[in-house]
Amino acid sequence: MAAATAVTSRRGNDQFRGLFSDTWSVTATLNASSLVDGAGETNTIAVPGVALGDIVLNISMGVDVSGISITPYVSAAGVVSIRFQNESGGTLDLASTTVKCVVVRLV
């Protein structure tokens, strides 16, 4: 499992006023392992304040992720998990990259 480094987050609810009680803008650097076809890996990012039931709206990556399914979710209190699943038909090795996501808590 690759470890997250250089994690930054900003907590607030200044956007989407009234829809969410809290939002977290998360930026982290991840270096996922090389994955053979059909293999997957889950990486975690410590995000203080998030809780089970919070929603990861989406995720952006700074590298080409063709052939890889990416599923971000809150897996525990203070933890955002990102599941990478290689479905490309070959081996893929993502370079170290910046990952950005937004986590929200519904009112």
Protein backbone atom coordinates (compact mmCIF):
# COMPACT_ATOMS: atom_id res chain seq x y z
CA MET A 1 0.00 0.00 0.00
CA ALA A 2 1.32 3.44 -0.90
CA ALA A 3 1.31 6.08 1.81
CA ALA A 4 -0.05 9.58 1.30
CA THR A 5 2.38 12.44 1.76
CA ALA A 6 2.12 16.23 1.81
CA VAL A 7 -1.54 16.27 2.85
CA THR A 8 -3.31 19.61 3.08
CA SER A 9 -6.96 20.25 3.78
CA ARG A 10 -9.17 23.28 4.24
CA ARG A 11 -12.31 22.97 6.29
CA GLY A 12 -15.29 25.26 5.86
CA ASN A 13 -18.75 25.59 4.35
CA ASP A 14 -18.53 28.84 2.41
CA GLN A 15 -19.69 27.23 -0.84
CA PHE A 16 -22.98 25.38 -1.41
CA ARG A 17 -24.42 27.37 1.49
CA GLY A 18 -27.31 25.55 3.10
CA LEU A 19 -26.67 22.18 1.44
CA PHE A 20 -23.75 21.00 3.54
CA SER A 21 -22.90 21.58 7.18
CA ASP A 22 -19.18 21.14 6.43
CA THR A 23 -16.84 20.78 3.47
CA TRP A 24 -13.22 19.70 3.19
CA SER A 25 -11.00 20.53 0.23
CA VAL A 26 -8.28 17.87 0.24
CA THR A 27 -4.98 17.84 -1.64
CA ALA A 28 -2.45 15.03 -1.20
CA THR A 29 0.45 13.45 -3.03
CA LEU A 30 0.08 9.73 -3.74
CA ASN A 31 2.34 7.21 -5.41
CA ALA A 32 0.28 4.11 -6.15
CA SER A 33 1.97 0.77 -6.70
CA SER A 34 2.34 -0.90 -10.08
CA LEU A 35 -0.84 -2.89 -10.74
CA VAL A 36 -1.25 -5.89 -13.02
CA ASP A 37 -4.54 -6.29 -14.90
CA GLY A 38 -7.37 -7.05 -12.48
CA ALA A 39 -5.38 -5.98 -9.41
CA GLY A 40 -6.41 -3.21 -7.07
CA GLU A 41 -5.00 -1.14 -4.25
CA THR A 42 -6.50 1.13 -1.63
CA ASN A 43 -4.60 4.20 -0.42
CA THR A 44 -5.62 6.31 2.56
CA ILE A 45 -5.40 10.01 3.36
CA ALA A 46 -5.78 11.36 6.91
CA VAL A 47 -8.40 14.12 6.84
CA PRO A 48 -9.19 15.34 10.36
CA GLY A 49 -12.91 15.84 10.99
CA VAL A 50 -14.43 13.64 8.29
CA ALA A 51 -16.74 10.88 9.48
CA LEU A 52 -18.51 7.81 8.15
CA GLY A 53 -21.49 8.98 6.13
CA ASP A 54 -19.66 11.99 4.68
CA ILE A 55 -19.51 12.09 0.89
CA VAL A 56 -16.47 12.36 -1.38
CA LEU A 57 -17.93 14.31 -4.30
CA ASN A 58 -15.24 13.34 -6.77
CA ILE A 59 -11.52 13.14 -7.28
CA SER A 60 -9.02 14.56 -9.74
CA MET A 61 -5.61 13.15 -10.53
CA GLY A 62 -2.58 14.82 -12.10
CA VAL A 63 -1.81 11.80 -14.34
CA ASP A 64 -3.58 9.83 -17.06
CA VAL A 65 -5.73 7.17 -15.41
CA SER A 66 -7.04 5.43 -18.56
CA GLY A 67 -7.96 1.84 -17.75
CA ILE A 68 -8.14 2.42 -14.00
CA SER A 69 -11.34 2.66 -11.97
CA ILE A 70 -11.01 5.07 -9.05
CA THR A 71 -13.39 5.02 -6.10
CA PRO A 72 -12.94 7.59 -3.32
CA TYR A 73 -14.87 7.23 -0.03
CA VAL A 74 -14.72 7.95 3.69
CA SER A 75 -13.70 4.63 5.25
CA ALA A 76 -13.41 5.67 8.91
CA ALA A 77 -13.39 8.74 11.13
CA GLY A 78 -10.65 11.02 9.80
CA VAL A 79 -9.81 8.79 6.82
CA VAL A 80 -10.51 9.14 3.08
CA SER A 81 -9.72 5.99 1.11
CA ILE A 82 -9.05 5.86 -2.62
CA ARG A 83 -9.43 2.50 -4.38
CA PHE A 84 -7.49 2.02 -7.64
CA GLN A 85 -8.56 -0.95 -9.79
CA ASN A 86 -6.65 -1.78 -12.99
CA GLU A 87 -8.99 -2.95 -15.76
CA SER A 88 -6.73 -2.01 -18.69
CA GLY A 89 -5.68 -5.48 -19.86
CA GLY A 90 -2.03 -4.82 -18.98
CA THR A 91 0.20 -3.64 -16.16
CA LEU A 92 -0.05 0.03 -15.16
CA ASP A 93 2.22 2.07 -12.94
CA LEU A 94 0.89 5.52 -12.07
CA ALA A 95 3.55 8.11 -11.41
CA SER A 96 3.54 10.01 -8.14
CA THR A 97 0.82 12.61 -8.49
CA THR A 98 -1.31 15.20 -6.78
CA VAL A 99 -4.78 14.00 -5.84
CA LYS A 100 -7.57 16.49 -5.11
CA CYS A 101 -11.03 15.80 -3.76
CA VAL A 102 -13.91 17.47 -1.96
CA VAL A 103 -15.60 15.85 1.03
CA VAL A 104 -18.99 17.13 2.23
CA ARG A 105 -21.32 16.50 5.13
CA LEU A 106 -25.03 16.88 4.44
CA VAL A 107 -27.07 19.14 6.72
